[in-house]
Protein backbone atom coordinates (compact mmCIF):
# COMPACT_ATOMS: atom_id res chain seq x y z
CA MET A 1 -1.63 3.05 -24.68
CA GLU A 2 -4.34 4.51 -22.64
CA THR A 3 -3.72 6.47 -19.29
CA LYS A 4 -4.14 4.18 -16.39
CA THR A 5 -3.72 4.95 -12.45
CA TYR A 6 -2.28 2.32 -10.35
CA THR A 7 -3.24 2.62 -6.88
CA TYR A 8 -1.42 1.14 -3.56
CA GLN A 9 -3.96 -1.26 -2.09
CA GLU A 10 -5.50 -0.61 1.39
CA PRO A 11 -4.71 -1.84 4.37
CA PHE A 12 -1.08 -1.91 2.76
CA PHE A 13 -0.82 1.81 2.35
CA THR A 14 -1.98 2.79 5.73
CA MET A 15 0.35 0.28 7.59
CA GLU A 16 3.52 0.47 5.31
CA VAL A 17 3.27 4.39 4.55
CA LYS A 18 1.26 6.29 6.84
CA VAL A 19 1.84 4.45 10.26
CA GLU A 20 5.51 3.53 9.46
CA GLY A 21 6.18 7.31 8.65
CA ALA A 22 4.27 8.42 11.86
CA PHE A 23 6.11 6.00 13.96
CA CYS A 24 9.59 7.19 12.41
CA ALA A 25 8.64 10.68 13.23
CA PHE A 26 7.87 9.93 16.76
CA LEU A 27 11.27 7.80 17.09
CA THR A 28 13.07 10.81 15.48
CA VAL A 29 11.79 13.06 18.41
CA LEU A 30 12.33 10.50 21.09
CA LEU A 31 15.57 9.29 19.97
CA THR A 32 17.04 12.85 19.40
CA TRP A 33 15.92 13.71 23.07
CA ASN A 34 17.49 10.45 24.36
CA ALA A 35 20.59 11.45 22.52
CA ALA A 36 20.78 15.00 23.76
CA THR A 37 20.37 13.90 27.23
CA ASN A 38 22.92 10.96 26.79
CA LEU A 39 20.31 8.57 28.26
CA PHE A 40 22.13 5.52 29.68
CA GLY A 41 25.63 6.85 28.27
CA MET A 42 24.48 5.84 24.85
CA GLY A 43 23.90 9.31 23.35
CA PHE A 44 25.93 8.35 20.27
CA LEU A 45 23.82 5.18 19.39
CA PHE A 46 20.65 7.13 20.01
CA ALA A 47 21.96 9.89 17.54
CA ILE A 48 22.45 7.16 14.96
CA PHE A 49 19.14 5.52 15.30
CA ALA A 50 17.58 9.08 15.22
CA ALA A 51 19.46 9.76 11.92
CA VAL A 52 17.73 6.58 10.57
CA ALA A 53 14.48 7.40 11.60
CA LEU A 54 14.70 11.11 10.38
CA TYR A 55 15.81 9.66 6.92
CA GLN A 56 12.57 7.60 6.85
CA THR A 57 10.33 10.29 8.05
CA TRP A 58 11.83 12.73 5.45
CA ASN A 59 11.34 10.17 2.42
CA THR A 60 7.61 9.73 3.72
CA PHE A 61 6.60 13.23 4.41
CA ILE A 62 8.91 15.75 2.79
CA ALA A 63 10.31 14.05 -0.42
CA ARG A 64 7.19 11.78 -0.75
CA CYS A 65 9.31 8.72 -1.97
CA TYR A 66 6.10 6.37 -1.41
CA ALA A 67 3.53 7.17 -4.11
CA HIS A 68 -0.33 6.38 -3.14
CA SER A 69 -0.98 6.37 -6.76
CA VAL A 70 1.04 6.28 -10.08
CA THR A 71 -0.69 7.48 -13.33
CA ILE A 72 1.00 6.41 -16.73
CA GLY A 73 -0.18 8.24 -19.75
CA GLU A 74 1.06 8.33 -23.57
CA ASP A 75 3.59 11.05 -22.55
CA GLU A 76 3.32 11.64 -19.04
CA ILE A 77 3.99 9.73 -15.70
CA SER A 78 2.89 11.33 -12.09
CA PHE A 79 3.33 9.94 -8.61
CA GLU A 80 0.85 11.13 -6.05
CA LEU A 81 1.01 11.13 -2.24
CA PHE A 82 -0.86 12.97 0.26
CA GLY A 83 -2.64 15.00 -2.28
CA LYS A 84 0.58 16.46 -3.96
CA SER A 85 1.46 14.98 -7.33
CA GLN A 86 5.09 15.08 -9.09
CA SER A 87 4.35 14.81 -12.90
CA TYR A 88 6.98 14.18 -15.86
CA LYS A 89 6.77 14.62 -19.44
CA LEU A 90 8.45 11.22 -20.86
CA SER A 91 9.44 13.10 -24.02
CA GLU A 92 11.48 15.48 -21.95
CA LEU A 93 13.01 13.08 -19.64
CA LYS A 94 16.75 12.25 -20.15
CA GLU A 95 17.03 9.84 -17.31
CA PHE A 96 14.50 7.07 -15.79
CA GLN A 97 16.05 4.47 -13.84
CA ILE A 98 14.93 1.46 -12.08
CA ARG A 99 16.60 -0.50 -9.60
CA GLY A 100 15.33 -3.75 -7.98
CA GLY A 101 12.93 -6.40 -9.08
CA SER A 102 12.37 -6.26 -12.65
CA ARG A 103 9.51 -9.10 -12.15
CA GLY A 104 7.56 -6.95 -9.57
CA GLY A 105 8.22 -6.39 -5.76
CA LYS A 106 9.77 -3.24 -4.67
CA MET A 107 11.44 -1.17 -7.34
CA TYR A 108 13.66 2.11 -6.72
CA VAL A 109 12.47 4.45 -9.46
CA ARG A 110 14.72 7.77 -10.14
CA VAL A 111 13.35 10.14 -12.54
CA GLY A 112 14.66 13.01 -14.38
CA ASN A 113 16.88 15.61 -12.34
CA HIS A 114 16.45 13.76 -8.97
CA ASN A 115 17.47 14.96 -5.79
CA ALA A 116 16.53 14.79 -1.90
CA LEU A 117 13.02 16.48 -2.47
CA HIS A 118 11.86 15.00 -5.86
CA GLY A 119 12.32 12.36 -8.45
CA ARG A 120 12.79 9.30 -6.16
CA PHE A 121 10.11 6.89 -5.53
CA TRP A 122 9.81 3.22 -3.86
CA ILE A 123 7.34 1.47 -5.84
CA SER A 124 6.12 -1.83 -4.36
CA THR A 125 4.43 -3.19 -7.26
CA ASP A 126 3.22 -6.30 -5.51
CA VAL A 127 0.74 -4.24 -3.33
CA TYR A 128 -0.38 -2.08 -6.11
CA GLU A 129 -3.62 -2.79 -8.24
CA ASP A 130 -2.48 -4.38 -11.29
CA GLY A 131 1.04 -4.52 -10.03
CA GLU A 132 2.67 -6.71 -12.51
CA GLU A 133 1.24 -4.42 -15.29
CA LEU A 134 2.58 -1.35 -13.49
CA ALA A 135 6.04 -3.11 -13.16
CA GLN A 136 6.24 -3.72 -16.95
CA ARG A 137 5.07 -0.41 -18.03
CA LEU A 138 7.93 1.12 -15.64
CA ILE A 139 10.06 -1.04 -17.48
CA ASP A 140 9.14 -0.08 -20.78
CA ILE A 141 9.41 3.46 -19.82
CA GLU A 142 13.03 3.04 -18.71
CA ASN A 143 13.52 1.03 -22.18
CA ARG A 144 12.09 3.89 -23.98
CA VAL A 145 13.77 6.95 -22.00
CA ASP A 146 17.30 5.67 -21.92
CA PRO A 147 17.62 2.30 -24.48
CA ASP A 148 21.50 2.52 -24.35
CA SER A 149 21.62 2.20 -20.49
CA LEU A 150 23.74 -0.96 -19.38
CA ARG A 151 20.63 -2.17 -17.24
CA VAL A 152 18.28 -1.90 -20.34
CA GLN A 153 20.98 -3.79 -22.61
CA ALA A 154 21.34 -6.53 -19.98
CA ARG A 155 17.67 -7.02 -19.52
CA ARG A 156 17.16 -7.14 -23.44
CA THR A 157 20.01 -9.73 -23.77
CA ASN A 158 18.59 -11.68 -20.70
CA THR A 159 15.20 -11.83 -22.69
CA GLU A 160 16.74 -12.78 -25.75
CA TYR A 161 18.73 -15.59 -24.19
CA LYS A 162 15.31 -16.87 -22.33
CA GLN A 163 13.86 -17.09 -25.65
CA ILE A 164 16.57 -18.88 -27.45
CA LYS A 165 16.82 -21.41 -24.65
CA ALA A 166 13.06 -22.09 -24.73
CA LYS A 167 13.16 -22.71 -28.40
CA LYS A 168 16.01 -25.18 -28.09
CA GLY A 169 14.14 -27.01 -25.13
CA LYS A 170 11.14 -27.41 -27.37
CA LYS A 171 13.29 -28.82 -30.37
CA SER A 172 15.14 -31.37 -27.78
CA ARG A 173 11.81 -32.67 -26.45
CA LYS A 174 10.45 -33.70 -29.94
């Protein structure tokens, strides 16, 4: 299959990644200050909210978990955000896991030796150009990299079940 780049559509990218990330960075500073000064006697609560905002800020700007574009080639996949790219050779991968909607929507993808700094991506396929195709290609990569995983086996069994059910449905209508 040819190399293709899937891009997060505007204005969704600006609102869901850039603005949300900047807002969470602002909240991190504000809530940390409120926690440090124990504003309204609720320092502990402000500290919890600051930690949540910091986590979102980290995922957006440090770990770059929200890819602006995903490029899939014959033996490589890369995720790009803010001019920095994380690329992986498919033939060298031992792990490629997808959690979330197999029919699109928001997918959490873990690639290779993932950790807090790289290899984790939230892909909202419903707001990418050709998002359904992107979702299917990601699933195909998961099937290729780890065909014996429980998730892949369950998806395969479910597909086979639907095909058998569809065939039986056609026969009973005749």
